[in-house]
Amino acid sequence: VVKDRKLFPPMIAHMIAVGEETGR
């Protein structure tokens, strides 16, 4: 969802993906 929003840089989507995978 974050990746699809052009307002946020790609790094934000990657960091959230790591958080979702680790449950943190």
PDB file of all heavy atoms in Angstrom:
ATOM      1  N   VAL A   1       0.836  -1.203   0.000  1.00  0.00           N
ATOM      2  CA  VAL A   1       0.000   0.000   0.000  1.00  0.00           C
ATOM      3  C   VAL A   1       0.870   1.252   0.000  1.00  0.00           C
ATOM      4  O   VAL A   1       0.629   2.202  -0.754  1.00  0.00           O
ATOM      5  CB  VAL A   1      -0.937   0.001   1.237  1.00  0.00           C
ATOM      6  CG1 VAL A   1      -1.689   1.316   1.327  1.00  0.00           C
ATOM      7  CG2 VAL A   1      -1.913  -1.158   1.163  1.00  0.00           C
ATOM      8  N   VAL A   2       1.907   1.254   0.844  1.00  0.00           N
ATOM      9  CA  VAL A   2       2.822   2.403   0.930  1.00  0.00           C
ATOM     10  C   VAL A   2       3.591   2.563  -0.381  1.00  0.00           C
ATOM     11  O   VAL A   2       3.807   3.679  -0.863  1.00  0.00           O
ATOM     12  CB  VAL A   2       3.794   2.228   2.121  1.00  0.00           C
ATOM     13  CG1 VAL A   2       4.880   3.295   2.090  1.00  0.00           C
ATOM     14  CG2 VAL A   2       3.033   2.300   3.440  1.00  0.00           C
ATOM     15  N   LYS A   3       4.001   1.434  -0.957  1.00  0.00           N
ATOM     16  CA  LYS A   3       4.760   1.467  -2.216  1.00  0.00           C
ATOM     17  C   LYS A   3       3.953   2.094  -3.348  1.00  0.00           C
ATOM     18  O   LYS A   3       4.499   2.770  -4.224  1.00  0.00           O
ATOM     19  CB  LYS A   3       5.173   0.036  -2.593  1.00  0.00           C
ATOM     20  CG  LYS A   3       6.190  -0.034  -3.721  1.00  0.00           C
ATOM     21  CD  LYS A   3       6.620  -1.473  -3.948  1.00  0.00           C
ATOM     22  CE  LYS A   3       7.654  -1.548  -5.064  1.00  0.00           C
ATOM     23  NZ  LYS A   3       8.089  -2.953  -5.298  1.00  0.00           N
ATOM     24  N   ASP A   4       2.634   1.876  -3.337  1.00  0.00           N
ATOM     25  CA  ASP A   4       1.761   2.412  -4.389  1.00  0.00           C
ATOM     26  C   ASP A   4       1.531   3.914  -4.263  1.00  0.00           C
ATOM     27  O   ASP A   4       1.076   4.555  -5.203  1.00  0.00           O
ATOM     28  CB  ASP A   4       0.403   1.688  -4.374  1.00  0.00           C
ATOM     29  CG  ASP A   4       0.533   0.248  -4.853  1.00  0.00           C
ATOM     30  OD1 ASP A   4       1.532  -0.063  -5.536  1.00  0.00           O
ATOM     31  OD2 ASP A   4      -0.362  -0.559  -4.539  1.00  0.00           O
ATOM     32  N   ARG A   5       1.811   4.456  -3.093  1.00  0.00           N
ATOM     33  CA  ARG A   5       1.619   5.887  -2.883  1.00  0.00           C
ATOM     34  C   ARG A   5       2.902   6.629  -3.253  1.00  0.00           C
ATOM     35  O   ARG A   5       3.941   6.430  -2.653  1.00  0.00           O
ATOM     36  CB  ARG A   5       1.250   6.179  -1.416  1.00  0.00           C
ATOM     37  CG  ARG A   5       0.029   5.402  -0.947  1.00  0.00           C
ATOM     38  CD  ARG A   5      -1.186   6.276  -0.850  1.00  0.00           C
ATOM     39  NE  ARG A   5      -1.622   6.894  -2.071  1.00  0.00           N
ATOM     40  CZ  ARG A   5      -2.386   6.290  -2.983  1.00  0.00           C
ATOM     41  NH1 ARG A   5      -2.763   5.052  -2.844  1.00  0.00           N
ATOM     42  NH2 ARG A   5      -2.758   6.942  -4.065  1.00  0.00           N
ATOM     43  N   LYS A   6       2.840   7.488  -4.253  1.00  0.00           N
ATOM     44  CA  LYS A   6       4.017   8.196  -4.736  1.00  0.00           C
ATOM     45  C   LYS A   6       4.539   9.212  -3.719  1.00  0.00           C
ATOM     46  O   LYS A   6       5.630   9.758  -3.885  1.00  0.00           O
ATOM     47  CB  LYS A   6       3.692   8.892  -6.051  1.00  0.00           C
ATOM     48  CG  LYS A   6       3.381   7.923  -7.193  1.00  0.00           C
ATOM     49  CD  LYS A   6       3.072   8.667  -8.477  1.00  0.00           C
ATOM     50  CE  LYS A   6       2.750   7.687  -9.602  1.00  0.00           C
ATOM     51  NZ  LYS A   6       2.421   8.388 -10.870  1.00  0.00           N
ATOM     52  N   LEU A   7       3.746   9.473  -2.710  1.00  0.00           N
ATOM     53  CA  LEU A   7       4.136  10.466  -1.708  1.00  0.00           C
ATOM     54  C   LEU A   7       5.324   9.996  -0.877  1.00  0.00           C
ATOM     55  O   LEU A   7       6.079  10.794  -0.341  1.00  0.00           O
ATOM     56  CB  LEU A   7       2.938  10.756  -0.789  1.00  0.00           C
ATOM     57  CG  LEU A   7       3.077  11.911   0.186  1.00  0.00           C
ATOM     58  CD1 LEU A   7       3.071  13.242  -0.556  1.00  0.00           C
ATOM     59  CD2 LEU A   7       1.945  11.898   1.203  1.00  0.00           C
ATOM     60  N   PHE A   8       5.509   8.669  -0.754  1.00  0.00           N
ATOM     61  CA  PHE A   8       6.544   8.112   0.108  1.00  0.00           C
ATOM     62  C   PHE A   8       7.701   7.558  -0.718  1.00  0.00           C
ATOM     63  O   PHE A   8       7.481   6.928  -1.753  1.00  0.00           O
ATOM     64  CB  PHE A   8       5.971   6.998   0.982  1.00  0.00           C
ATOM     65  CG  PHE A   8       4.723   7.379   1.721  1.00  0.00           C
ATOM     66  CD1 PHE A   8       3.488   6.860   1.366  1.00  0.00           C
ATOM     67  CD2 PHE A   8       4.781   8.279   2.763  1.00  0.00           C
ATOM     68  CE1 PHE A   8       2.342   7.216   2.035  1.00  0.00           C
ATOM     69  CE2 PHE A   8       3.633   8.660   3.447  1.00  0.00           C
ATOM     70  CZ  PHE A   8       2.416   8.128   3.088  1.00  0.00           C
ATOM     71  N   PRO A   9       8.944   7.738  -0.249  1.00  0.00           N
ATOM     72  CA  PRO A   9      10.092   7.159  -0.960  1.00  0.00           C
ATOM     73  C   PRO A   9      10.091   5.625  -0.846  1.00  0.00           C
ATOM     74  O   PRO A   9       9.538   5.075   0.113  1.00  0.00           O
ATOM     75  CB  PRO A   9      11.302   7.770  -0.233  1.00  0.00           C
ATOM     76  CG  PRO A   9      10.790   8.198   1.100  1.00  0.00           C
ATOM     77  CD  PRO A   9       9.353   8.547   0.909  1.00  0.00           C
ATOM     78  N   PRO A  10      10.698   4.892  -1.805  1.00  0.00           N
ATOM     79  CA  PRO A  10      10.700   3.422  -1.795  1.00  0.00           C
ATOM     80  C   PRO A  10      11.263   2.817  -0.511  1.00  0.00           C
ATOM     81  O   PRO A  10      10.850   1.737  -0.099  1.00  0.00           O
ATOM     82  CB  PRO A  10      11.570   3.067  -3.010  1.00  0.00           C
ATOM     83  CG  PRO A  10      11.499   4.263  -3.898  1.00  0.00           C
ATOM     84  CD  PRO A  10      11.367   5.441  -2.990  1.00  0.00           C
ATOM     85  N   MET A  11      12.218   3.530   0.115  1.00  0.00           N
ATOM     86  CA  MET A  11      12.829   3.010   1.326  1.00  0.00           C
ATOM     87  C   MET A  11      11.799   2.742   2.421  1.00  0.00           C
ATOM     88  O   MET A  11      11.920   1.780   3.195  1.00  0.00           O
ATOM     89  CB  MET A  11      13.876   4.013   1.832  1.00  0.00           C
ATOM     90  CG  MET A  11      14.612   3.569   3.093  1.00  0.00           C
ATOM     91  SD  MET A  11      15.375   4.936   3.951  1.00  0.00           S
ATOM     92  CE  MET A  11      13.955   5.771   4.627  1.00  0.00           C
ATOM     93  N   ILE A  12      10.767   3.588   2.499  1.00  0.00           N
ATOM     94  CA  ILE A  12       9.739   3.431   3.530  1.00  0.00           C
ATOM     95  C   ILE A  12       9.017   2.099   3.362  1.00  0.00           C
ATOM     96  O   ILE A  12       8.794   1.361   4.333  1.00  0.00           O
ATOM     97  CB  ILE A  12       8.727   4.602   3.470  1.00  0.00           C
ATOM     98  CG1 ILE A  12       9.438   5.946   3.622  1.00  0.00           C
ATOM     99  CG2 ILE A  12       7.654   4.435   4.536  1.00  0.00           C
ATOM    100  CD1 ILE A  12      10.156   6.133   4.914  1.00  0.00           C
ATOM    101  N   ALA A  13       8.656   1.763   2.115  1.00  0.00           N
ATOM    102  CA  ALA A  13       7.969   0.491   1.842  1.00  0.00           C
ATOM    103  C   ALA A  13       8.845  -0.693   2.223  1.00  0.00           C
ATOM    104  O   ALA A  13       8.364  -1.680   2.796  1.00  0.00           O
ATOM    105  CB  ALA A  13       7.586   0.416   0.366  1.00  0.00           C
ATOM    106  N   HIS A  14      10.145  -0.622   1.943  1.00  0.00           N
ATOM    107  CA  HIS A  14      11.063  -1.715   2.276  1.00  0.00           C
ATOM    108  C   HIS A  14      11.182  -1.897   3.793  1.00  0.00           C
ATOM    109  O   HIS A  14      11.188  -3.028   4.297  1.00  0.00           O
ATOM    110  CB  HIS A  14      12.443  -1.454   1.671  1.00  0.00           C
ATOM    111  CG  HIS A  14      12.466  -1.495   0.170  1.00  0.00           C
ATOM    112  ND1 HIS A  14      11.940  -2.544  -0.557  1.00  0.00           N
ATOM    113  CD2 HIS A  14      12.951  -0.619  -0.746  1.00  0.00           C
ATOM    114  CE1 HIS A  14      12.094  -2.318  -1.848  1.00  0.00           C
ATOM    115  NE2 HIS A  14      12.698  -1.141  -1.991  1.00  0.00           N
ATOM    116  N   MET A  15      11.269  -0.782   4.522  1.00  0.00           N
ATOM    117  CA  MET A  15      11.386  -0.859   5.981  1.00  0.00           C
ATOM    118  C   MET A  15      10.122  -1.446   6.597  1.00  0.00           C
ATOM    119  O   MET A  15      10.188  -2.265   7.521  1.00  0.00           O
ATOM    120  CB  MET A  15      11.669   0.534   6.556  1.00  0.00           C
ATOM    121  CG  MET A  15      13.045   1.076   6.206  1.00  0.00           C
ATOM    122  SD  MET A  15      13.360   2.733   6.863  1.00  0.00           S
ATOM    123  CE  MET A  15      13.558   2.374   8.610  1.00  0.00           C
ATOM    124  N   ILE A  16       8.952  -1.045   6.079  1.00  0.00           N
ATOM    125  CA  ILE A  16       7.691  -1.585   6.598  1.00  0.00           C
ATOM    126  C   ILE A  16       7.580  -3.066   6.270  1.00  0.00           C
ATOM    127  O   ILE A  16       7.083  -3.864   7.080  1.00  0.00           O
ATOM    128  CB  ILE A  16       6.495  -0.794   6.024  1.00  0.00           C
ATOM    129  CG1 ILE A  16       6.484   0.631   6.601  1.00  0.00           C
ATOM    130  CG2 ILE A  16       5.171  -1.488   6.355  1.00  0.00           C
ATOM    131  CD1 ILE A  16       5.428   1.528   6.022  1.00  0.00           C
ATOM    132  N   ALA A  17       8.061  -3.475   5.077  1.00  0.00           N
ATOM    133  CA  ALA A  17       8.042  -4.895   4.698  1.00  0.00           C
ATOM    134  C   ALA A  17       8.861  -5.725   5.673  1.00  0.00           C
ATOM    135  O   ALA A  17       8.438  -6.818   6.100  1.00  0.00           O
ATOM    136  CB  ALA A  17       8.583  -5.059   3.274  1.00  0.00           C
ATOM    137  N   VAL A  18      10.024  -5.205   6.062  1.00  0.00           N
ATOM    138  CA  VAL A  18      10.863  -5.893   7.054  1.00  0.00           C
ATOM    139  C   VAL A  18      10.132  -5.985   8.388  1.00  0.00           C
ATOM    140  O   VAL A  18      10.147  -7.030   9.057  1.00  0.00           O
ATOM    141  CB  VAL A  18      12.211  -5.159   7.227  1.00  0.00           C
ATOM    142  CG1 VAL A  18      13.000  -5.743   8.394  1.00  0.00           C
ATOM    143  CG2 VAL A  18      13.034  -5.226   5.952  1.00  0.00           C
ATOM    144  N   GLY A  19       9.462  -4.911   8.777  1.00  0.00           N
ATOM    145  CA  GLY A  19       8.710  -4.904  10.031  1.00  0.00           C
ATOM    146  C   GLY A  19       7.573  -5.915  10.018  1.00  0.00           C
ATOM    147  O   GLY A  19       7.321  -6.600  11.023  1.00  0.00           O
ATOM    148  N   GLU A  20       6.877  -6.035   8.887  1.00  0.00           N
ATOM    149  CA  GLU A  20       5.777  -6.997   8.783  1.00  0.00           C
ATOM    150  C   GLU A  20       6.287  -8.435   8.810  1.00  0.00           C
ATOM    151  O   GLU A  20       5.668  -9.316   9.409  1.00  0.00           O
ATOM    152  CB  GLU A  20       4.988  -6.743   7.497  1.00  0.00           C
ATOM    153  CG  GLU A  20       4.160  -5.462   7.541  1.00  0.00           C
ATOM    154  CD  GLU A  20       3.380  -5.205   6.266  1.00  0.00           C
ATOM    155  OE1 GLU A  20       3.938  -5.424   5.171  1.00  0.00           O
ATOM    156  OE2 GLU A  20       2.219  -4.772   6.359  1.00  0.00           O
ATOM    157  N   GLU A  21       7.428  -8.685   8.182  1.00  0.00           N
ATOM    158  CA  GLU A  21       7.992 -10.034   8.157  1.00  0.00           C
ATOM    159  C   GLU A  21       8.486 -10.480   9.533  1.00  0.00           C
ATOM    160  O   GLU A  21       8.403 -11.660   9.884  1.00  0.00           O
ATOM    161  CB  GLU A  21       9.146 -10.094   7.153  1.00  0.00           C
ATOM    162  CG  GLU A  21       8.695 -10.008   5.697  1.00  0.00           C
ATOM    163  CD  GLU A  21       9.859  -9.842   4.741  1.00  0.00           C
ATOM    164  OE1 GLU A  21      11.021  -9.907   5.214  1.00  0.00           O
ATOM    165  OE2 GLU A  21       9.620  -9.647   3.539  1.00  0.00           O
ATOM    166  N   THR A  22       8.981  -9.541  10.302  1.00  0.00           N
ATOM    167  CA  THR A  22       9.520  -9.866  11.632  1.00  0.00           C
ATOM    168  C   THR A  22       8.500  -9.681  12.747  1.00  0.00           C
ATOM    169  O   THR A  22       8.797  -9.973  13.910  1.00  0.00           O
ATOM    170  CB  THR A  22      10.758  -8.990  11.924  1.00  0.00           C
ATOM    171  OG1 THR A  22      10.378  -7.601  11.855  1.00  0.00           O
ATOM    172  CG2 THR A  22      11.869  -9.271  10.926  1.00  0.00           C
ATOM    173  N   GLY A  23       7.304  -9.161  12.406  1.00  0.00           N
ATOM    174  CA  GLY A  23       6.288  -8.914  13.430  1.00  0.00           C
ATOM    175  C   GLY A  23       6.600  -7.727  14.313  1.00  0.00           C
ATOM    176  O   GLY A  23       6.106  -7.640  15.442  1.00  0.00           O
ATOM    177  N   ARG A  24       7.413  -6.790  13.804  1.00  0.00           N
ATOM    178  CA  ARG A  24       7.809  -5.622  14.606  1.00  0.00           C
ATOM    179  C   ARG A  24       7.536  -4.336  13.811  1.00  0.00           C
ATOM    180  O   ARG A  24       8.378  -3.462  13.696  1.00  0.00           O
ATOM    181  CB  ARG A  24       9.285  -5.714  14.968  1.00  0.00           C
ATOM    182  CG  ARG A  24       9.595  -6.938  15.826  1.00  0.00           C
ATOM    183  CD  ARG A  24      11.067  -7.298  15.799  1.00  0.00           C
ATOM    184  NE  ARG A  24      11.901  -6.272  16.381  1.00  0.00           N
ATOM    185  CZ  ARG A  24      13.246  -6.328  16.381  1.00  0.00           C
ATOM    186  NH1 ARG A  24      13.851  -7.351  15.824  1.00  0.00           N
ATOM    187  NH2 ARG A  24      13.945  -5.364  16.942  1.00  0.00           N
TER     188      ARG A  24
END
